[in-house]
Protein backbone atom coordinates (compact mmCIF):
# COMPACT_ATOMS: atom_id res chain seq x y z
CA UNK A 1 -23.45 -8.30 72.30
CA UNK A 2 -24.81 -5.39 70.34
CA UNK A 3 -28.12 -7.21 69.28
CA UNK A 4 -29.01 -7.37 73.42
CA UNK A 5 -31.44 -4.96 74.83
CA UNK A 6 -28.78 -4.29 77.88
CA UNK A 7 -26.08 -2.34 76.58
CA UNK A 8 -25.66 1.08 77.67
CA UNK A 9 -25.75 3.99 75.61
CA UNK A 10 -22.42 5.04 76.16
CA UNK A 11 -20.72 1.67 74.90
CA UNK A 12 -23.34 1.71 71.11
CA UNK A 13 -21.96 5.07 70.69
CA UNK A 14 -18.46 3.93 70.77
CA UNK A 15 -19.15 1.28 68.64
CA UNK A 16 -21.41 3.08 66.19
CA UNK A 17 -18.39 5.42 65.68
CA UNK A 18 -15.61 2.92 65.42
CA UNK A 19 -17.93 1.20 62.90
CA UNK A 20 -17.83 4.24 60.95
CA UNK A 21 -14.28 4.50 61.04
CA UNK A 22 -13.72 1.06 60.22
CA UNK A 23 -16.61 0.95 57.15
CA UNK A 24 -14.22 4.10 55.90
CA UNK A 25 -10.82 3.08 55.92
CA UNK A 26 -12.02 -0.57 55.02
CA UNK A 27 -14.26 0.19 52.33
CA UNK A 28 -17.50 -0.14 53.49
CA UNK A 29 -19.11 2.84 52.76
CA UNK A 30 -17.67 2.84 49.05
CA UNK A 31 -19.18 -0.02 48.49
CA UNK A 32 -22.33 1.11 49.48
CA UNK A 33 -22.04 4.11 47.00
CA UNK A 34 -21.27 1.68 44.79
CA UNK A 35 -24.77 -0.20 45.00
CA UNK A 36 -26.61 2.92 44.83
CA UNK A 37 -24.75 3.65 41.78
CA UNK A 38 -25.57 0.28 39.93
CA UNK A 39 -29.27 0.62 40.82
CA UNK A 40 -29.85 3.71 39.58
CA UNK A 41 -27.88 3.05 36.34
CA UNK A 42 -30.05 0.30 35.45
CA UNK A 43 -32.93 2.23 35.70
CA UNK A 44 -34.48 3.20 32.40
CA UNK A 45 -35.20 6.37 34.58
CA UNK A 46 -35.43 7.63 38.68
CA UNK A 47 -37.26 10.52 39.90
CA UNK A 48 -36.85 13.92 40.81
CA UNK A 49 -36.37 13.46 44.25
CA UNK A 50 -34.79 9.84 45.43
CA UNK A 51 -36.01 8.10 48.48
CA UNK A 52 -33.53 5.57 49.84
CA UNK A 53 -33.89 3.35 52.96
CA UNK A 54 -31.72 1.13 55.11
CA UNK A 55 -32.86 -1.46 57.40
CA UNK A 56 -30.45 -1.96 60.61
CA UNK A 57 -29.28 1.58 59.82
CA UNK A 58 -27.55 1.23 63.03
CA UNK A 59 -26.05 4.94 63.85
CA UNK A 60 -26.61 6.30 60.57
CA UNK A 61 -23.33 6.75 59.19
CA UNK A 62 -24.32 4.53 55.52
CA UNK A 63 -27.55 6.84 55.15
CA UNK A 64 -24.95 10.09 55.71
CA UNK A 65 -22.06 8.84 53.15
CA UNK A 66 -25.15 8.23 50.54
CA UNK A 67 -26.62 11.78 51.38
CA UNK A 68 -23.61 13.45 51.12
CA UNK A 69 -22.44 11.45 47.89
CA UNK A 70 -26.17 12.76 46.25
CA UNK A 71 -25.55 16.20 46.80
CA UNK A 72 -22.03 16.63 45.03
CA UNK A 73 -24.20 14.54 42.41
CA UNK A 74 -26.86 17.77 42.74
CA UNK A 75 -29.33 15.00 42.76
CA UNK A 76 -31.49 15.53 45.67
CA UNK A 77 -32.42 12.39 48.00
CA UNK A 78 -34.43 11.58 50.89
CA UNK A 79 -33.40 9.01 53.72
CA UNK A 80 -35.51 6.47 55.74
CA UNK A 81 -33.35 4.90 58.67
CA UNK A 82 -34.90 1.68 60.35
CA UNK A 83 -33.82 -0.29 63.29
CA UNK A 84 -35.17 -1.98 66.28
CA UNK A 85 -32.53 -0.51 68.67
CA UNK A 86 -33.58 2.59 69.72
CA UNK A 87 -30.11 3.78 70.95
CA UNK A 88 -29.30 3.34 67.61
CA UNK A 89 -32.07 5.72 66.48
CA UNK A 90 -31.24 8.39 68.86
CA UNK A 91 -27.62 8.08 68.06
CA UNK A 92 -28.24 8.48 64.18
CA UNK A 93 -30.60 11.67 65.06
CA UNK A 94 -28.10 13.44 66.94
CA UNK A 95 -25.50 13.00 64.76
CA UNK A 96 -27.02 13.25 61.07
CA UNK A 97 -26.20 16.04 58.94
CA UNK A 98 -29.12 16.17 56.28
CA UNK A 99 -32.43 17.51 57.22
CA UNK A 100 -34.46 15.13 54.95
CA UNK A 101 -34.25 12.15 56.66
CA UNK A 102 -36.87 9.85 58.81
CA UNK A 103 -35.84 7.75 61.31
CA UNK A 104 -38.16 4.51 62.62
CA UNK A 105 -37.43 2.88 65.46
CA UNK A 106 -39.24 -0.58 64.55
CA UNK A 107 -38.56 -3.91 63.52
CA UNK A 108 -38.17 -3.51 59.63
CA UNK A 109 -41.30 -6.21 58.58
CA UNK A 110 -43.55 -4.32 60.78
CA UNK A 111 -43.55 -0.98 58.74
CA UNK A 112 -45.98 -0.04 55.95
CA UNK A 113 -44.61 2.82 53.80
CA UNK A 114 -46.54 5.45 53.09
CA UNK A 115 -44.86 6.13 50.22
CA UNK A 116 -42.74 3.34 48.51
CA UNK A 117 -38.64 3.98 48.26
CA UNK A 118 -36.99 3.66 44.89
CA UNK A 119 -33.94 1.71 46.33
CA UNK A 120 -33.73 -0.12 50.53
CA UNK A 121 -30.38 -1.38 51.07
CA UNK A 122 -28.85 -3.21 54.26
CA UNK A 123 -25.06 -3.10 55.07
CA UNK A 124 -23.64 -5.66 57.55
CA UNK A 125 -27.36 -6.61 58.55
CA UNK A 126 -28.11 -9.93 57.26
CA UNK A 127 -25.46 -12.05 59.16
CA UNK A 128 -27.41 -11.42 61.73
CA UNK A 129 -30.15 -13.64 61.26
CA UNK A 130 -30.29 -17.41 60.14
CA UNK A 131 -30.93 -19.05 56.55
CA UNK A 132 -35.20 -18.92 56.40
CA UNK A 133 -34.78 -15.11 58.07
CA UNK A 134 -32.17 -14.16 55.22
CA UNK A 135 -35.17 -15.36 52.84
CA UNK A 136 -37.59 -13.45 53.52
CA UNK A 137 -35.11 -10.25 53.95
CA UNK A 138 -34.50 -10.56 50.19
CA UNK A 139 -38.23 -10.90 49.62
CA UNK A 140 -39.21 -8.03 51.60
CA UNK A 141 -36.81 -6.05 50.13
CA UNK A 142 -37.52 -7.04 46.87
CA UNK A 143 -41.50 -6.00 47.63
CA UNK A 144 -40.95 -2.71 48.60
CA UNK A 145 -37.95 -1.03 46.66
CA UNK A 146 -39.23 0.34 43.57
CA UNK A 147 -36.17 0.12 41.68
CA UNK A 148 -34.07 -2.43 43.27
CA UNK A 149 -32.13 -3.50 46.44
CA UNK A 150 -28.47 -3.86 47.17
CA UNK A 151 -27.14 -5.45 50.22
CA UNK A 152 -23.17 -4.36 51.50
CA UNK A 153 -22.28 -7.86 53.90
CA UNK A 154 -19.12 -9.98 54.92
CA UNK A 155 -17.49 -12.64 53.10
CA UNK A 156 -16.53 -15.83 55.25
CA UNK A 157 -12.89 -16.34 55.35
CA UNK A 158 -10.30 -17.21 57.30
CA UNK A 159 -8.10 -14.64 56.38
CA UNK A 160 -10.98 -12.03 57.00
CA UNK A 161 -11.41 -13.74 60.73
CA UNK A 162 -7.46 -13.46 61.94
CA UNK A 163 -7.08 -10.04 60.55
CA UNK A 164 -9.94 -7.97 61.88
CA UNK A 165 -9.32 -9.94 65.31
CA UNK A 166 -6.03 -8.85 65.28
CA UNK A 167 -6.69 -5.27 64.22
CA UNK A 168 -9.53 -4.51 66.81
CA UNK A 169 -7.61 -6.38 69.71
CA UNK A 170 -4.85 -3.61 68.88
CA UNK A 171 -6.54 -0.77 68.10
CA UNK A 172 -10.27 -0.63 69.01
CA UNK A 173 -11.36 0.73 72.45
CA UNK A 174 -15.16 -0.84 72.22
CA UNK A 175 -15.49 -4.08 73.89
CA UNK A 176 -18.67 -4.49 71.51
CA UNK A 177 -16.33 -4.54 68.31
CA UNK A 178 -13.55 -6.68 69.69
CA UNK A 179 -16.37 -9.02 70.37
CA UNK A 180 -18.33 -8.75 67.44
CA UNK A 181 -16.45 -8.19 64.48
CA UNK A 182 -14.89 -11.35 64.41
CA UNK A 183 -18.06 -13.11 65.18
CA UNK A 184 -19.79 -11.64 62.55
CA UNK A 185 -16.52 -12.66 60.04
CA UNK A 186 -17.74 -16.11 61.12
CA UNK A 187 -21.80 -15.37 60.21
CA UNK A 188 -20.73 -14.03 56.58
CA UNK A 189 -20.85 -15.80 53.45
CA UNK A 190 -20.03 -17.61 50.86
CA UNK A 191 -20.83 -17.10 47.52
CA UNK A 192 -22.85 -20.52 47.06
CA UNK A 193 -25.07 -19.32 50.15
CA UNK A 194 -26.10 -16.10 48.96
CA UNK A 195 -26.65 -17.80 45.20
CA UNK A 196 -28.84 -20.59 47.57
CA UNK A 197 -30.83 -17.78 49.16
CA UNK A 198 -31.78 -16.40 46.15
CA UNK A 199 -32.77 -19.32 44.24
CA UNK A 200 -35.15 -20.06 47.60
CA UNK A 201 -36.46 -16.35 47.58
CA UNK A 202 -37.65 -16.61 43.71
CA UNK A 203 -35.48 -13.91 43.01
CA UNK A 204 -33.79 -14.12 39.30
CA UNK A 205 -32.48 -10.07 39.18
CA UNK A 206 -29.22 -10.22 40.96
CA UNK A 207 -25.95 -10.31 40.65
CA UNK A 208 -22.90 -10.61 43.16
CA UNK A 209 -19.61 -8.68 43.30
CA UNK A 210 -16.68 -9.58 45.64
CA UNK A 211 -15.52 -5.94 47.11
CA UNK A 212 -12.09 -5.73 49.17
CA UNK A 213 -12.09 -6.06 52.32
CA UNK A 214 -13.95 -9.41 52.11
CA UNK A 215 -17.08 -7.79 51.18
CA UNK A 216 -20.28 -8.67 49.29
CA UNK A 217 -22.22 -6.54 47.43
CA UNK A 218 -25.17 -8.01 46.00
CA UNK A 219 -27.15 -5.77 43.58
CA UNK A 220 -31.10 -6.80 42.51
CA UNK A 221 -32.92 -4.39 40.03
CA UNK A 222 -36.78 -4.40 39.61
CA UNK A 223 -36.65 -3.37 36.21
CA UNK A 224 -38.28 -6.66 35.31
CA UNK A 225 -41.27 -5.30 36.73
CA UNK A 226 -41.04 -1.74 35.52
């Protein structure tokens, strides 16, 4: 339902708040930090100031967590959040607590960067697309990221489906979360499917790690291009 264009802003805002809560307490944000760390440690060097871009940024909570982490590590960072939904961008602008953020309301495919991002990532984004679109997402991130890219998304599993359906029915106050969360799990991925996407995308340098709770962390380094 979140992909529809007729959802009231107040309902989207509630959805964004609950997704942030879920990502915080079920480990989604820590997975994104792990993806960032893996790419930074794999790079021979990285610039004095990082430029990090998220496609499908939603309410900006992932970029907020990454910005906070960079601050604690004394790493200068600028962020770009891209989302096709104007309400998500409006919510991100209103809640983000970091000055060096750029928000772009657009389809990521139509973006032309003035400066190539060091790292591009997405979280809970890829399962919204079909197989052909998934391959394009991989190729696009691979072509546009200087250091590399990572993906934080769902593992399709029966236990994950029934668990999230029960948890959201019991605790969620958002009809969007109650509806979309179980459906998102059914649109998640098996490891073999992810591997097949990378084969078809022509990307050989990648790693897939299973993370709690029923998430995949996929990283791909562009050090081969240096």
